[in-house]
Every structure is written in structure tokens, then in C-alpha cells.
Amino acid sequence: MPAPFQLLMPSYNQAHFIGEAVESVLKQEDPDWELWIVDNSSDETPKVMAAFTDPRIHFIHEPRRMDPGTCLNLMLEKAKGRGAISRTSTPTTGCCPASSGTIARRSLDIL
């Protein structure tokens, strides 16, 4: 079985939006994914994320302030699965239910 497709989401002070963004990932039609979130915020994001118990969700709260590139590098270092797509924008928008499966299939076509 191939490794799961990796979804990367940097976060900074997104407590009001991140729950909805994570819920949209949980609704993916293709269940073969892992979500990596690196958060270095000072808001309630860690509390919001504590409610998610799905083992495919990996939340890392890093209190030191990091630029988006450093967050992305940390997620890429941790994510060891197949492919990777980064939500380099804020997690204020969700994913449609077919997103991860479509992206995973297209990435295999490219390889």
C-alpha cells in the first residue's frame, strides 16, 4: 500500500478558522491522506486543535515565531508520505471533498 498523501497547512493566529479548514479535510472522499499543521500562534489554535483526534492529523505547536518558509520546511521534514500539497495561504478556506484524491492522482501522473 502506498504511503498516504501529505497535506500541509501552516497556521498563525487562525483559531477562528482552522476548525472549519480541518473539517473540510476530514470530509475528503479519498481517506488516504495525512494533515500536517505547524502553528506558532499566540491565540486559541492549540485548544481548537485538541478537539481533533483523527490519527491522520498531526498538529505541532511551535511557540517561536517562524516565517512561512520555515513552517513549510518543518512540515516537509516531518511528513514522510507520498507527495505533498501546501496550503500556503491561511486556513480560512476549506478543501472540496475531492481535492486530495484529485491532487494525489495527478501527482502520480506527473511522476
PDB file of N, CA and C in Angstrom:
ATOM      1  N   MET A   1       0.847  -1.175   0.000  1.00  0.00           N
ATOM      2  CA  MET A   1       0.000   0.000   0.000  1.00  0.00           C
ATOM      3  C   MET A   1       0.896   1.243   0.000  1.00  0.00           C
ATOM      4  N   PRO A   2       0.634   2.213  -0.884  1.00  0.00           N
ATOM      5  CA  PRO A   2       1.461   3.417  -0.910  1.00  0.00           C
ATOM      6  C   PRO A   2       1.247   4.270   0.343  1.00  0.00           C
ATOM      7  N   ALA A   3       2.257   5.056   0.653  1.00  0.00           N
ATOM      8  CA  ALA A   3       2.151   5.966   1.797  1.00  0.00           C
ATOM      9  C   ALA A   3       1.042   6.982   1.539  1.00  0.00           C
ATOM     10  N   PRO A   4       0.433   7.508   2.590  1.00  0.00           N
ATOM     11  CA  PRO A   4      -0.648   8.483   2.409  1.00  0.00           C
ATOM     12  C   PRO A   4      -0.147   9.789   1.795  1.00  0.00           C
ATOM     13  N   PHE A   5      -1.046  10.469   1.109  1.00  0.00           N
ATOM     14  CA  PHE A   5      -0.753  11.774   0.532  1.00  0.00           C
ATOM     15  C   PHE A   5      -0.670  12.793   1.656  1.00  0.00           C
ATOM     16  N   GLN A   6       0.281  13.703   1.575  1.00  0.00           N
ATOM     17  CA  GLN A   6       0.539  14.668   2.647  1.00  0.00           C
ATOM     18  C   GLN A   6      -0.087  16.020   2.332  1.00  0.00           C
ATOM     19  N   LEU A   7      -0.885  16.537   3.254  1.00  0.00           N
ATOM     20  CA  LEU A   7      -1.467  17.874   3.152  1.00  0.00           C
ATOM     21  C   LEU A   7      -0.806  18.739   4.218  1.00  0.00           C
ATOM     22  N   LEU A   8      -0.289  19.885   3.828  1.00  0.00           N
ATOM     23  CA  LEU A   8       0.465  20.751   4.732  1.00  0.00           C
ATOM     24  C   LEU A   8      -0.266  22.071   4.925  1.00  0.00           C
ATOM     25  N   MET A   9      -0.424  22.480   6.185  1.00  0.00           N
ATOM     26  CA  MET A   9      -1.161  23.710   6.471  1.00  0.00           C
ATOM     27  C   MET A   9      -0.435  24.519   7.554  1.00  0.00           C
ATOM     28  N   PRO A  10       0.316  25.558   7.165  1.00  0.00           N
ATOM     29  CA  PRO A  10       0.880  26.427   8.197  1.00  0.00           C
ATOM     30  C   PRO A  10      -0.221  27.266   8.833  1.00  0.00           C
ATOM     31  N   SER A  11      -0.049  27.614  10.096  1.00  0.00           N
ATOM     32  CA  SER A  11      -1.082  28.373  10.793  1.00  0.00           C
ATOM     33  C   SER A  11      -0.449  29.423  11.705  1.00  0.00           C
ATOM     34  N   TYR A  12      -1.047  30.595  11.709  1.00  0.00           N
ATOM     35  CA  TYR A  12      -0.641  31.640  12.648  1.00  0.00           C
ATOM     36  C   TYR A  12      -1.893  32.423  13.044  1.00  0.00           C
ATOM     37  N   ASN A  13      -2.277  32.325  14.303  1.00  0.00           N
ATOM     38  CA  ASN A  13      -3.457  33.002  14.844  1.00  0.00           C
ATOM     39  C   ASN A  13      -4.710  32.751  13.984  1.00  0.00           C
ATOM     40  N   GLN A  14      -5.007  31.485  13.779  1.00  0.00           N
ATOM     41  CA  GLN A  14      -6.145  31.096  12.955  1.00  0.00           C
ATOM     42  C   GLN A  14      -7.222  30.347  13.736  1.00  0.00           C
ATOM     43  N   ALA A  15      -7.292  30.541  15.033  1.00  0.00           N
ATOM     44  CA  ALA A  15      -8.245  29.793  15.863  1.00  0.00           C
ATOM     45  C   ALA A  15      -9.679  29.905  15.361  1.00  0.00           C
ATOM     46  N   HIS A  16     -10.062  31.037  14.818  1.00  0.00           N
ATOM     47  CA  HIS A  16     -11.443  31.233  14.365  1.00  0.00           C
ATOM     48  C   HIS A  16     -11.745  30.485  13.065  1.00  0.00           C
ATOM     49  N   PHE A  17     -10.706  30.063  12.342  1.00  0.00           N
ATOM     50  CA  PHE A  17     -10.914  29.461  11.026  1.00  0.00           C
ATOM     51  C   PHE A  17     -10.416  28.026  10.908  1.00  0.00           C
ATOM     52  N   ILE A  18      -9.450  27.643  11.723  1.00  0.00           N
ATOM     53  CA  ILE A  18      -8.763  26.377  11.492  1.00  0.00           C
ATOM     54  C   ILE A  18      -9.658  25.159  11.681  1.00  0.00           C
ATOM     55  N   GLY A  19     -10.621  25.231  12.595  1.00  0.00           N
ATOM     56  CA  GLY A  19     -11.527  24.098  12.792  1.00  0.00           C
ATOM     57  C   GLY A  19     -12.299  23.768  11.526  1.00  0.00           C
ATOM     58  N   GLU A  20     -12.815  24.783  10.870  1.00  0.00           N
ATOM     59  CA  GLU A  20     -13.557  24.581   9.624  1.00  0.00           C
ATOM     60  C   GLU A  20     -12.641  24.036   8.521  1.00  0.00           C
ATOM     61  N   ALA A  21     -11.413  24.538   8.459  1.00  0.00           N
ATOM     62  CA  ALA A  21     -10.473  24.049   7.451  1.00  0.00           C
ATOM     63  C   ALA A  21     -10.147  22.576   7.682  1.00  0.00           C
ATOM     64  N   VAL A  22      -9.921  22.185   8.931  1.00  0.00           N
ATOM     65  CA  VAL A  22      -9.634  20.784   9.250  1.00  0.00           C
ATOM     66  C   VAL A  22     -10.858  19.916   8.958  1.00  0.00           C
ATOM     67  N   GLU A  23     -12.044  20.390   9.289  1.00  0.00           N
ATOM     68  CA  GLU A  23     -13.272  19.638   8.975  1.00  0.00           C
ATOM     69  C   GLU A  23     -13.382  19.373   7.474  1.00  0.00           C
ATOM     70  N   SER A  24     -12.977  20.353   6.646  1.00  0.00           N
ATOM     71  CA  SER A  24     -13.051  20.145   5.197  1.00  0.00           C
ATOM     72  C   SER A  24     -12.079  19.063   4.750  1.00  0.00           C
ATOM     73  N   VAL A  25     -10.949  18.941   5.421  1.00  0.00           N
ATOM     74  CA  VAL A  25     -10.003  17.864   5.102  1.00  0.00           C
ATOM     75  C   VAL A  25     -10.587  16.525   5.537  1.00  0.00           C
ATOM     76  N   LEU A  26     -11.226  16.486   6.690  1.00  0.00           N
ATOM     77  CA  LEU A  26     -11.848  15.243   7.164  1.00  0.00           C
ATOM     78  C   LEU A  26     -12.951  14.744   6.233  1.00  0.00           C
ATOM     79  N   LYS A  27     -13.519  15.620   5.436  1.00  0.00           N
ATOM     80  CA  LYS A  27     -14.595  15.246   4.505  1.00  0.00           C
ATOM     81  C   LYS A  27     -14.071  14.772   3.149  1.00  0.00           C
ATOM     82  N   GLN A  28     -12.781  14.619   3.009  1.00  0.00           N
ATOM     83  CA  GLN A  28     -12.226  14.187   1.732  1.00  0.00           C
ATOM     84  C   GLN A  28     -12.765  12.811   1.344  1.00  0.00           C
ATOM     85  N   GLU A  29     -13.094  12.656   0.071  1.00  0.00           N
ATOM     86  CA  GLU A  29     -13.609  11.378  -0.429  1.00  0.00           C
ATOM     87  C   GLU A  29     -12.530  10.297  -0.392  1.00  0.00           C
ATOM     88  N   ASP A  30     -11.289  10.682  -0.631  1.00  0.00           N
ATOM     89  CA  ASP A  30     -10.163   9.749  -0.574  1.00  0.00           C
ATOM     90  C   ASP A  30      -9.592   9.814   0.847  1.00  0.00           C
ATOM     91  N   PRO A  31      -9.706   8.740   1.621  1.00  0.00           N
ATOM     92  CA  PRO A  31      -9.261   8.774   3.015  1.00  0.00           C
ATOM     93  C   PRO A  31      -7.750   8.600   3.189  1.00  0.00           C
ATOM     94  N   ASP A  32      -7.022   8.436   2.102  1.00  0.00           N
ATOM     95  CA  ASP A  32      -5.588   8.136   2.164  1.00  0.00           C
ATOM     96  C   ASP A  32      -4.762   9.425   2.196  1.00  0.00           C
ATOM     97  N   TRP A  33      -4.791  10.121   3.319  1.00  0.00           N
ATOM     98  CA  TRP A  33      -4.077  11.386   3.481  1.00  0.00           C
ATOM     99  C   TRP A  33      -3.596  11.532   4.920  1.00  0.00           C
ATOM    100  N   GLU A  34      -2.650  12.420   5.109  1.00  0.00           N
ATOM    101  CA  GLU A  34      -2.233  12.878   6.428  1.00  0.00           C
ATOM    102  C   GLU A  34      -2.188  14.390   6.359  1.00  0.00           C
ATOM    103  N   LEU A  35      -2.634  15.047   7.421  1.00  0.00           N
ATOM    104  CA  LEU A  35      -2.612  16.501   7.505  1.00  0.00           C
ATOM    105  C   LEU A  35      -1.572  16.920   8.531  1.00  0.00           C
ATOM    106  N   TRP A  36      -0.664  17.781   8.104  1.00  0.00           N
ATOM    107  CA  TRP A  36       0.376  18.324   8.975  1.00  0.00           C
ATOM    108  C   TRP A  36       0.121  19.804   9.162  1.00  0.00           C
ATOM    109  N   ILE A  37      -0.012  20.235  10.406  1.00  0.00           N
ATOM    110  CA  ILE A  37      -0.213  21.644  10.722  1.00  0.00           C
ATOM    111  C   ILE A  37       0.898  22.080  11.666  1.00  0.00           C
ATOM    112  N   VAL A  38       1.615  23.123  11.269  1.00  0.00           N
ATOM    113  CA  VAL A  38       2.573  23.754  12.178  1.00  0.00           C
ATOM    114  C   VAL A  38       1.997  25.115  12.528  1.00  0.00           C
ATOM    115  N   ASP A  39       1.859  25.336  13.815  1.00  0.00           N
ATOM    116  CA  ASP A  39       1.236  26.552  14.317  1.00  0.00           C
ATOM    117  C   ASP A  39       2.193  27.242  15.280  1.00  0.00           C
ATOM    118  N   ASN A  40       2.389  28.543  15.081  1.00  0.00           N
ATOM    119  CA  ASN A  40       3.212  29.286  16.041  1.00  0.00           C
ATOM    120  C   ASN A  40       2.463  30.525  16.507  1.00  0.00           C
ATOM    121  N   SER A  41       1.195  30.338  16.759  1.00  0.00           N
ATOM    122  CA  SER A  41       0.339  31.452  17.141  1.00  0.00           C
ATOM    123  C   SER A  41       0.305  31.657  18.643  1.00  0.00           C
ATOM    124  N   SER A  42      -0.304  32.758  19.020  1.00  0.00           N
ATOM    125  CA  SER A  42      -0.483  33.080  20.435  1.00  0.00           C
ATOM    126  C   SER A  42      -1.970  33.104  20.799  1.00  0.00           C
ATOM    127  N   ASP A  43      -2.813  32.581  19.911  1.00  0.00           N
ATOM    128  CA  ASP A  43      -4.250  32.565  20.179  1.00  0.00           C
ATOM    129  C   ASP A  43      -4.686  31.184  20.671  1.00  0.00           C
ATOM    130  N   GLU A  44      -5.939  30.838  20.487  1.00  0.00           N
ATOM    131  CA  GLU A  44      -6.512  29.589  20.994  1.00  0.00           C
ATOM    132  C   GLU A  44      -6.423  28.426  20.006  1.00  0.00           C
ATOM    133  N   THR A  45      -5.604  28.540  18.981  1.00  0.00           N
ATOM    134  CA  THR A  45      -5.496  27.469  17.984  1.00  0.00           C
ATOM    135  C   THR A  45      -5.182  26.117  18.623  1.00  0.00           C
ATOM    136  N   PRO A  46      -4.232  25.993  19.565  1.00  0.00           N
ATOM    137  CA  PRO A  46      -3.992  24.677  20.172  1.00  0.00           C
ATOM    138  C   PRO A  46      -5.229  24.085  20.842  1.00  0.00           C
ATOM    139  N   LYS A  47      -6.046  24.905  21.472  1.00  0.00           N
ATOM    140  CA  LYS A  47      -7.283  24.402  22.093  1.00  0.00           C
ATOM    141  C   LYS A  47      -8.252  23.880  21.037  1.00  0.00           C
ATOM    142  N   VAL A  48      -8.390  24.607  19.940  1.00  0.00           N
ATOM    143  CA  VAL A  48      -9.279  24.168  18.853  1.00  0.00           C
ATOM    144  C   VAL A  48      -8.786  22.833  18.303  1.00  0.00           C
ATOM    145  N   MET A  49      -7.493  22.724  18.089  1.00  0.00           N
ATOM    146  CA  MET A  49      -6.935  21.507  17.503  1.00  0.00           C
ATOM    147  C   MET A  49      -7.005  20.314  18.449  1.00  0.00           C
ATOM    148  N   ALA A  50      -7.043  20.554  19.746  1.00  0.00           N
ATOM    149  CA  ALA A  50      -7.131  19.452  20.719  1.00  0.00           C
ATOM    150  C   ALA A  50      -8.413  18.648  20.559  1.00  0.00           C
ATOM    151  N   ALA A  51      -9.426  19.232  19.949  1.00  0.00           N
ATOM    152  CA  ALA A  51     -10.693  18.531  19.740  1.00  0.00           C
ATOM    153  C   ALA A  51     -10.614  17.488  18.632  1.00  0.00           C
ATOM    154  N   PHE A  52      -9.587  17.552  17.790  1.00  0.00           N
ATOM    155  CA  PHE A  52      -9.458  16.616  16.673  1.00  0.00           C
ATOM    156  C   PHE A  52      -8.589  15.443  17.100  1.00  0.00           C
ATOM    157  N   THR A  53      -9.160  14.243  17.027  1.00  0.00           N
ATOM    158  CA  THR A  53      -8.461  13.042  17.493  1.00  0.00           C
ATOM    159  C   THR A  53      -8.108  12.081  16.357  1.00  0.00           C
ATOM    160  N   ASP A  54      -8.418  12.440  15.133  1.00  0.00           N
ATOM    161  CA  ASP A  54      -8.105  11.574  13.994  1.00  0.00           C
ATOM    162  C   ASP A  54      -6.583  11.392  13.916  1.00  0.00           C
ATOM    163  N   PRO A  55      -6.104  10.143  13.877  1.00  0.00           N
ATOM    164  CA  PRO A  55      -4.652   9.905  13.870  1.00  0.00           C
ATOM    165  C   PRO A  55      -3.951  10.396  12.600  1.00  0.00           C
ATOM    166  N   ARG A  56      -4.701  10.753  11.579  1.00  0.00           N
ATOM    167  CA  ARG A  56      -4.093  11.279  10.349  1.00  0.00           C
ATOM    168  C   ARG A  56      -3.747  12.756  10.480  1.00  0.00           C
ATOM    169  N   ILE A  57      -4.194  13.394  11.558  1.00  0.00           N
ATOM    170  CA  ILE A  57      -3.937  14.815  11.777  1.00  0.00           C
ATOM    171  C   ILE A  57      -2.758  14.960  12.740  1.00  0.00           C
ATOM    172  N   HIS A  58      -1.741  15.669  12.280  1.00  0.00           N
ATOM    173  CA  HIS A  58      -0.538  15.909  13.078  1.00  0.00           C
ATOM    174  C   HIS A  58      -0.425  17.411  13.323  1.00  0.00           C
ATOM    175  N   PHE A  59      -0.569  17.799  14.570  1.00  0.00           N
ATOM    176  CA  PHE A  59      -0.531  19.213  14.931  1.00  0.00           C
ATOM    177  C   PHE A  59       0.721  19.482  15.751  1.00  0.00           C
ATOM    178  N   ILE A  60       1.492  20.446  15.305  1.00  0.00           N
ATOM    179  CA  ILE A  60       2.711  20.836  16.014  1.00  0.00           C
ATOM    180  C   ILE A  60       2.582  22.308  16.376  1.00  0.00           C
ATOM    181  N   HIS A  61       2.556  22.575  17.682  1.00  0.00           N
ATOM    182  CA  HIS A  61       2.543  23.977  18.131  1.00  0.00           C
ATOM    183  C   HIS A  61       3.967  24.353  18.493  1.00  0.00           C
ATOM    184  N   GLU A  62       4.510  25.276  17.749  1.00  0.00           N
ATOM    185  CA  GLU A  62       5.871  25.780  17.951  1.00  0.00           C
ATOM    186  C   GLU A  62       5.744  27.234  18.367  1.00  0.00           C
ATOM    187  N   PRO A  63       5.955  27.551  19.650  1.00  0.00           N
ATOM    188  CA  PRO A  63       5.690  28.904  20.126  1.00  0.00           C
ATOM    189  C   PRO A  63       6.572  30.002  19.511  1.00  0.00           C
ATOM    190  N   ARG A  64       7.759  29.651  19.053  1.00  0.00           N
ATOM    191  CA  ARG A  64       8.589  30.702  18.468  1.00  0.00           C
ATOM    192  C   ARG A  64       8.036  31.124  17.114  1.00  0.00           C
ATOM    193  N   ARG A  65       8.124  32.386  16.820  1.00  0.00           N
ATOM    194  CA  ARG A  65       7.596  32.930  15.569  1.00  0.00           C
ATOM    195  C   ARG A  65       8.461  32.468  14.413  1.00  0.00           C
ATOM    196  N   MET A  66       7.828  31.911  13.384  1.00  0.00           N
ATOM    197  CA  MET A  66       8.530  31.439  12.193  1.00  0.00           C
ATOM    198  C   MET A  66       7.891  32.048  10.956  1.00  0.00           C
ATOM    199  N   ASP A  67       8.698  32.271   9.946  1.00  0.00           N
ATOM    200  CA  ASP A  67       8.150  32.728   8.680  1.00  0.00           C
ATOM    201  C   ASP A  67       7.528  31.520   7.974  1.00  0.00           C
ATOM    202  N   PRO A  68       6.687  31.748   6.952  1.00  0.00           N
ATOM    203  CA  PRO A  68       6.006  30.634   6.272  1.00  0.00           C
ATOM    204  C   PRO A  68       6.963  29.587   5.689  1.00  0.00           C
ATOM    205  N   GLY A  69       8.115  30.023   5.188  1.00  0.00           N
ATOM    206  CA  GLY A  69       9.075  29.073   4.626  1.00  0.00           C
ATOM    207  C   GLY A  69       9.629  28.127   5.675  1.00  0.00           C
ATOM    208  N   THR A  70       9.906  28.644   6.859  1.00  0.00           N
ATOM    209  CA  THR A  70      10.406  27.803   7.948  1.00  0.00           C
ATOM    210  C   THR A  70       9.333  26.808   8.382  1.00  0.00           C
ATOM    211  N   CYS A  71       8.086  27.264   8.463  1.00  0.00           N
ATOM    212  CA  CYS A  71       6.971  26.346   8.791  1.00  0.00           C
ATOM    213  C   CYS A  71       6.871  25.245   7.751  1.00  0.00           C
ATOM    214  N   LEU A  72       6.935  25.617   6.478  1.00  0.00           N
ATOM    215  CA  LEU A  72       6.840  24.631   5.400  1.00  0.00           C
ATOM    216  C   LEU A  72       7.989  23.632   5.495  1.00  0.00           C
ATOM    217  N   ASN A  73       9.202  24.098   5.722  1.00  0.00           N
ATOM    218  CA  ASN A  73      10.346  23.188   5.839  1.00  0.00           C
ATOM    219  C   ASN A  73      10.173  22.221   6.994  1.00  0.00           C
ATOM    220  N   LEU A  74       9.649  22.686   8.118  1.00  0.00           N
ATOM    221  CA  LEU A  74       9.413  21.804   9.264  1.00  0.00           C
ATOM    222  C   LEU A  74       8.379  20.737   8.915  1.00  0.00           C
ATOM    223  N   MET A  75       7.305  21.133   8.235  1.00  0.00           N
ATOM    224  CA  MET A  75       6.281  20.154   7.845  1.00  0.00           C
ATOM    225  C   MET A  75       6.852  19.140   6.854  1.00  0.00           C
ATOM    226  N   LEU A  76       7.644  19.600   5.897  1.00  0.00           N
ATOM    227  CA  LEU A  76       8.243  18.686   4.917  1.00  0.00           C
ATOM    228  C   LEU A  76       9.203  17.720   5.591  1.00  0.00           C
ATOM    229  N   GLU A  77       9.889  18.174   6.613  1.00  0.00           N
ATOM    230  CA  GLU A  77      10.801  17.319   7.371  1.00  0.00           C
ATOM    231  C   GLU A  77      10.024  16.212   8.087  1.00  0.00           C
ATOM    232  N   LYS A  78       8.845  16.533   8.614  1.00  0.00           N
ATOM    233  CA  LYS A  78       8.042  15.577   9.378  1.00  0.00           C
ATOM    234  C   LYS A  78       7.216  14.658   8.481  1.00  0.00           C
ATOM    235  N   ALA A  79       6.690  15.182   7.386  1.00  0.00           N
ATOM    236  CA  ALA A  79       5.795  14.425   6.505  1.00  0.00           C
ATOM    237  C   ALA A  79       6.617  13.482   5.640  1.00  0.00           C
ATOM    238  N   LYS A  80       6.389  12.216   5.797  1.00  0.00           N
ATOM    239  CA  LYS A  80       7.184  11.216   5.069  1.00  0.00           C
ATOM    240  C   LYS A  80       6.368  10.419   4.060  1.00  0.00           C
ATOM    241  N   GLY A  81       5.196  10.868   3.753  1.00  0.00           N
ATOM    242  CA  GLY A  81       4.325  10.122   2.850  1.00  0.00           C
ATOM    243  C   GLY A  81       4.558  10.457   1.392  1.00  0.00           C
ATOM    244  N   ARG A  82       3.562  10.193   0.610  1.00  0.00           N
ATOM    245  CA  ARG A  82       3.597  10.346  -0.840  1.00  0.00           C
ATOM    246  C   ARG A  82       3.130  11.737  -1.211  1.00  0.00           C
ATOM    247  N   GLY A  83       3.934  12.456  -1.966  1.00  0.00           N
ATOM    248  CA  GLY A  83       3.546  13.776  -2.445  1.00  0.00           C
ATOM    249  C   GLY A  83       3.311  14.742  -1.305  1.00  0.00           C
ATOM    250  N   ALA A  84       3.074  15.969  -1.631  1.00  0.00           N
ATOM    251  CA  ALA A  84       2.746  16.974  -0.612  1.00  0.00           C
ATOM    252  C   ALA A  84       2.113  18.162  -1.294  1.00  0.00           C
ATOM    253  N   ILE A  85       1.079  18.676  -0.680  1.00  0.00           N
ATOM    254  CA  ILE A  85       0.454  19.914  -1.154  1.00  0.00           C
ATOM    255  C   ILE A  85       0.382  20.844   0.044  1.00  0.00           C
ATOM    256  N   SER A  86       0.820  22.060  -0.177  1.00  0.00           N
ATOM    257  CA  SER A  86       0.835  23.023   0.909  1.00  0.00           C
ATOM    258  C   SER A  86      -0.274  24.034   0.724  1.00  0.00           C
ATOM    259  N   ARG A  87      -0.991  24.292   1.797  1.00  0.00           N
ATOM    260  CA  ARG A  87      -1.953  25.386   1.833  1.00  0.00           C
ATOM    261  C   ARG A  87      -1.183  26.583   2.346  1.00  0.00           C
ATOM    262  N   THR A  88      -0.422  27.236   1.470  1.00  0.00           N
ATOM    263  CA  THR A  88       0.440  28.317   1.922  1.00  0.00           C
ATOM    264  C   THR A  88      -0.354  29.557   2.290  1.00  0.00           C
ATOM    265  N   SER A  89      -1.608  29.620   1.877  1.00  0.00           N
ATOM    266  CA  SER A  89      -2.459  30.698   2.350  1.00  0.00           C
ATOM    267  C   SER A  89      -2.943  30.337   3.751  1.00  0.00           C
ATOM    268  N   THR A  90      -3.674  31.224   4.362  1.00  0.00           N
ATOM    269  CA  THR A  90      -4.199  30.927   5.686  1.00  0.00           C
ATOM    270  C   THR A  90      -5.264  29.835   5.590  1.00  0.00           C
ATOM    271  N   PRO A  91      -5.512  29.136   6.682  1.00  0.00           N
ATOM    272  CA  PRO A  91      -6.525  28.079   6.644  1.00  0.00           C
ATOM    273  C   PRO A  91      -7.952  28.626   6.710  1.00  0.00           C
ATOM    274  N   THR A  92      -8.201  29.752   6.073  1.00  0.00           N
ATOM    275  CA  THR A  92      -9.528  30.347   6.125  1.00  0.00           C
ATOM    276  C   THR A  92     -10.460  29.783   5.068  1.00  0.00           C
ATOM    277  N   THR A  93      -9.920  28.997   4.155  1.00  0.00           N
ATOM    278  CA  THR A  93     -10.766  28.368   3.147  1.00  0.00           C
ATOM    279  C   THR A  93     -10.578  26.867   3.237  1.00  0.00           C
ATOM    280  N   GLY A  94     -11.614  26.132   2.983  1.00  0.00           N
ATOM    281  CA  GLY A  94     -11.550  24.690   3.077  1.00  0.00           C
ATOM    282  C   GLY A  94     -11.194  24.036   1.752  1.00  0.00           C
ATOM    283  N   CYS A  95     -11.231  22.718   1.759  1.00  0.00           N
ATOM    284  CA  CYS A  95     -10.969  21.925   0.561  1.00  0.00           C
ATOM    285  C   CYS A  95     -12.287  21.291   0.128  1.00  0.00           C
ATOM    286  N   CYS A  96     -12.522  21.234  -1.164  1.00  0.00           N
ATOM    287  CA  CYS A  96     -13.696  20.493  -1.604  1.00  0.00           C
ATOM    288  C   CYS A  96     -13.425  19.006  -1.385  1.00  0.00           C
ATOM    289  N   PRO A  97     -14.448  18.169  -1.241  1.00  0.00           N
ATOM    290  CA  PRO A  97     -14.257  16.773  -0.850  1.00  0.00           C
ATOM    291  C   PRO A  97     -13.392  15.932  -1.780  1.00  0.00           C
ATOM    292  N   ALA A  98     -13.227  16.324  -3.018  1.00  0.00           N
ATOM    293  CA  ALA A  98     -12.419  15.526  -3.941  1.00  0.00           C
ATOM    294  C   ALA A  98     -10.986  16.037  -4.074  1.00  0.00           C
ATOM    295  N   SER A  99     -10.620  17.076  -3.359  1.00  0.00           N
ATOM    296  CA  SER A  99      -9.316  17.724  -3.540  1.00  0.00           C
ATOM    297  C   SER A  99      -8.133  16.789  -3.384  1.00  0.00           C
ATOM    298  N   SER A 100      -8.010  16.117  -2.238  1.00  0.00           N
ATOM    299  CA  SER A 100      -6.800  15.323  -2.003  1.00  0.00           C
ATOM    300  C   SER A 100      -6.688  14.171  -2.987  1.00  0.00           C
ATOM    301  N   GLY A 101      -7.782  13.510  -3.290  1.00  0.00           N
ATOM    302  CA  GLY A 101      -7.730  12.405  -4.252  1.00  0.00           C
ATOM    303  C   GLY A 101      -7.340  12.868  -5.640  1.00  0.00           C
ATOM    304  N   THR A 102      -7.903  13.981  -6.088  1.00  0.00           N
ATOM    305  CA  THR A 102      -7.579  14.522  -7.408  1.00  0.00           C
ATOM    306  C   THR A 102      -6.114  14.921  -7.479  1.00  0.00           C
ATOM    307  N   ILE A 103      -5.639  15.616  -6.470  1.00  0.00           N
ATOM    308  CA  ILE A 103      -4.242  16.054  -6.458  1.00  0.00           C
ATOM    309  C   ILE A 103      -3.305  14.850  -6.398  1.00  0.00           C
ATOM    310  N   ALA A 104      -3.627  13.860  -5.588  1.00  0.00           N
ATOM    311  CA  ALA A 104      -2.781  12.672  -5.477  1.00  0.00           C
ATOM    312  C   ALA A 104      -2.706  11.943  -6.806  1.00  0.00           C
ATOM    313  N   ARG A 105      -3.843  11.764  -7.485  1.00  0.00           N
ATOM    314  CA  ARG A 105      -3.834  11.068  -8.783  1.00  0.00           C
ATOM    315  C   ARG A 105      -3.030  11.852  -9.813  1.00  0.00           C
ATOM    316  N   ARG A 106      -3.202  13.171  -9.845  1.00  0.00           N
ATOM    317  CA  ARG A 106      -2.465  13.984 -10.816  1.00  0.00           C
ATOM    318  C   ARG A 106      -0.979  13.991 -10.524  1.00  0.00           C
ATOM    319  N   SER A 107      -0.596  13.952  -9.264  1.00  0.00           N
ATOM    320  CA  SER A 107       0.835  13.927  -8.948  1.00  0.00           C
ATOM    321  C   SER A 107       1.443  12.611  -9.404  1.00  0.00           C
ATOM    322  N   LEU A 108       0.692  11.509  -9.312  1.00  0.00           N
ATOM    323  CA  LEU A 108       1.189  10.235  -9.811  1.00  0.00           C
ATOM    324  C   LEU A 108       1.325  10.253 -11.323  1.00  0.00           C
ATOM    325  N   ASP A 109       0.422  10.940 -11.997  1.00  0.00           N
ATOM    326  CA  ASP A 109       0.520  11.055 -13.463  1.00  0.00           C
ATOM    327  C   ASP A 109       1.778  11.793 -13.858  1.00  0.00           C
ATOM    328  N   ILE A 110       2.170  12.793 -13.086  1.00  0.00           N
ATOM    329  CA  ILE A 110       3.360  13.580 -13.401  1.00  0.00           C
ATOM    330  C   ILE A 110       4.619  12.758 -13.177  1.00  0.00           C
ATOM    331  N   LEU A 111       4.630  11.959 -12.107  1.00  0.00           N
ATOM    332  CA  LEU A 111       5.796  11.136 -11.797  1.00  0.00           C
ATOM    333  C   LEU A 111       5.892  10.032 -12.808  1.00  0.00           C
TER     334      LEU A 111
END
